[in-house]
Amino acid sequence: MIPDIRTIQVTGIILTIAGLIIAIMARRTLAGNWSGNIELKKGHELIRTGVYKHTRHPIYTGIMLMSLGTLLFTGKLSAFIFFIVITAFMLFKIKEEGELLMKHFPAGYTEYKNSTKALIPFLW
């Protein structure tokens, strides 16, 4: 049975709101460690608290949830393309950030990577 359009749209709204909340919580947890670029700040720390206990990249999880929610709500091809582009970009940034963090926190990041999923708790 295929859900009706209203159910899909409500699911989209819920995912968008959840993604926004996750992204805001993650950004607040990072505080001074946050950067829009892939770089380390002076005195940078490896954050493993708050939402970072559950995923290594919760801001990206939030952004991807928001784009998926937008896709489900609108059902438009442009939203699908946006979701694919955002997902590809986030996966690229995960790889680049992982390499940078591995260089600067070799033991800590290795343990963190082995114990915490990248985007979806317990799955991926």
Protein backbone atom coordinates (compact mmCIF):
# COMPACT_ATOMS: atom_id res chain seq x y z
CA MET A 1 0.00 0.00 0.00
CA ILE A 2 1.39 3.40 -1.01
CA PRO A 3 0.89 6.18 1.55
CA ASP A 4 -1.19 9.16 0.45
CA ILE A 5 0.44 12.46 -0.47
CA ARG A 6 -0.51 14.14 2.81
CA THR A 7 1.29 11.41 4.82
CA ILE A 8 4.39 11.82 2.68
CA GLN A 9 4.28 15.60 3.08
CA VAL A 10 3.88 15.38 6.86
CA THR A 11 6.81 12.96 6.98
CA GLY A 12 8.81 15.49 4.96
CA ILE A 13 7.97 18.27 7.41
CA ILE A 14 8.95 16.08 10.38
CA LEU A 15 12.28 15.13 8.76
CA THR A 16 13.02 18.75 7.91
CA ILE A 17 12.33 19.93 11.47
CA ALA A 18 14.31 17.01 12.96
CA GLY A 19 17.23 17.78 10.66
CA LEU A 20 17.19 21.45 11.63
CA ILE A 21 17.15 20.60 15.34
CA ILE A 22 20.02 18.10 14.95
CA ALA A 23 22.11 20.58 12.94
CA ILE A 24 21.56 23.39 15.45
CA MET A 25 22.38 21.14 18.41
CA ALA A 26 25.55 19.93 16.69
CA ARG A 27 26.65 23.44 15.77
CA ARG A 28 26.13 24.61 19.34
CA THR A 29 28.10 21.62 20.67
CA LEU A 30 31.03 22.44 18.39
CA ALA A 31 31.04 26.08 19.52
CA GLY A 32 34.47 27.55 18.72
CA ASN A 33 35.62 24.42 16.93
CA TRP A 34 33.12 24.98 14.10
CA SER A 35 34.24 26.21 10.71
CA GLY A 36 32.49 26.35 7.36
CA ASN A 37 35.75 25.19 5.81
CA ILE A 38 37.63 21.97 6.40
CA GLU A 39 40.21 23.31 8.84
CA LEU A 40 41.28 23.13 12.44
CA LYS A 41 40.95 26.13 14.73
CA LYS A 42 43.58 27.23 17.22
CA GLY A 43 43.20 24.95 20.27
CA HIS A 44 40.88 22.64 18.31
CA GLU A 45 39.46 19.73 20.27
CA LEU A 46 37.99 16.42 19.15
CA ILE A 47 34.35 16.76 20.24
CA ARG A 48 32.63 13.53 21.31
CA THR A 49 29.86 14.88 23.52
CA GLY A 50 26.24 15.85 22.89
CA VAL A 51 24.99 14.68 19.51
CA TYR A 52 28.59 13.77 18.64
CA LYS A 53 28.21 10.76 20.96
CA HIS A 54 25.81 9.30 18.40
CA THR A 55 27.31 10.31 15.04
CA ARG A 56 30.60 11.82 13.93
CA HIS A 57 28.95 14.28 11.53
CA PRO A 58 25.57 15.30 12.96
CA ILE A 59 25.49 18.65 11.13
CA TYR A 60 25.67 16.76 7.85
CA THR A 61 23.04 14.33 9.09
CA GLY A 62 20.80 17.29 9.82
CA ILE A 63 21.40 18.92 6.45
CA MET A 64 20.72 15.66 4.63
CA LEU A 65 17.51 15.12 6.64
CA MET A 66 16.36 18.62 5.76
CA SER A 67 17.01 18.05 2.06
CA LEU A 68 15.25 14.65 2.19
CA GLY A 69 12.32 16.25 4.01
CA THR A 70 12.13 18.94 1.34
CA LEU A 71 12.11 16.27 -1.35
CA LEU A 72 9.30 14.37 0.34
CA PHE A 73 7.29 17.51 0.95
CA THR A 74 7.58 18.96 -2.56
CA GLY A 75 7.98 15.79 -4.60
CA LYS A 76 9.80 17.86 -7.22
CA LEU A 77 12.62 16.71 -9.48
CA SER A 78 14.65 19.77 -8.46
CA ALA A 79 14.40 18.69 -4.80
CA PHE A 80 15.56 15.18 -5.76
CA ILE A 81 18.56 16.61 -7.63
CA PHE A 82 19.31 18.89 -4.66
CA PHE A 83 19.18 15.91 -2.28
CA ILE A 84 21.61 13.93 -4.48
CA VAL A 85 24.02 16.87 -4.79
CA ILE A 86 23.91 17.63 -1.05
CA THR A 87 24.47 13.97 -0.19
CA ALA A 88 27.45 13.70 -2.54
CA PHE A 89 28.93 16.92 -1.15
CA MET A 90 28.46 15.78 2.46
CA LEU A 91 30.13 12.43 1.72
CA PHE A 92 33.07 14.29 0.15
CA LYS A 93 33.38 16.54 3.22
CA ILE A 94 33.21 13.53 5.56
CA LYS A 95 36.17 11.97 3.76
CA GLU A 96 38.20 15.20 3.79
CA GLU A 97 37.43 15.98 7.45
CA GLY A 98 38.23 12.42 8.46
CA GLU A 99 41.67 12.68 6.88
CA LEU A 100 42.35 16.01 8.60
CA LEU A 101 41.18 14.78 12.01
CA MET A 102 43.18 11.57 11.63
CA LYS A 103 46.36 13.60 11.09
CA HIS A 104 45.81 15.78 14.15
CA PHE A 105 44.16 13.31 16.53
CA PRO A 106 45.50 9.93 15.32
CA ALA A 107 44.70 7.82 18.39
CA GLY A 108 41.57 9.65 19.49
CA TYR A 109 39.98 9.88 16.05
CA THR A 110 40.74 6.24 15.24
CA GLU A 111 38.95 5.13 18.41
CA TYR A 112 36.09 7.55 17.76
CA LYS A 113 35.73 6.38 14.17
CA ASN A 114 35.68 2.74 15.27
CA SER A 115 33.04 3.34 17.96
CA THR A 116 30.75 5.94 16.38
CA LYS A 117 28.95 5.80 13.02
CA ALA A 118 29.41 8.67 10.56
CA LEU A 119 25.81 9.74 9.86
CA ILE A 120 23.17 7.36 11.21
CA PRO A 121 23.54 5.96 14.74
CA PHE A 122 24.17 2.19 14.83
CA LEU A 123 23.89 1.92 11.00
CA TRP A 124 26.23 4.09 8.96
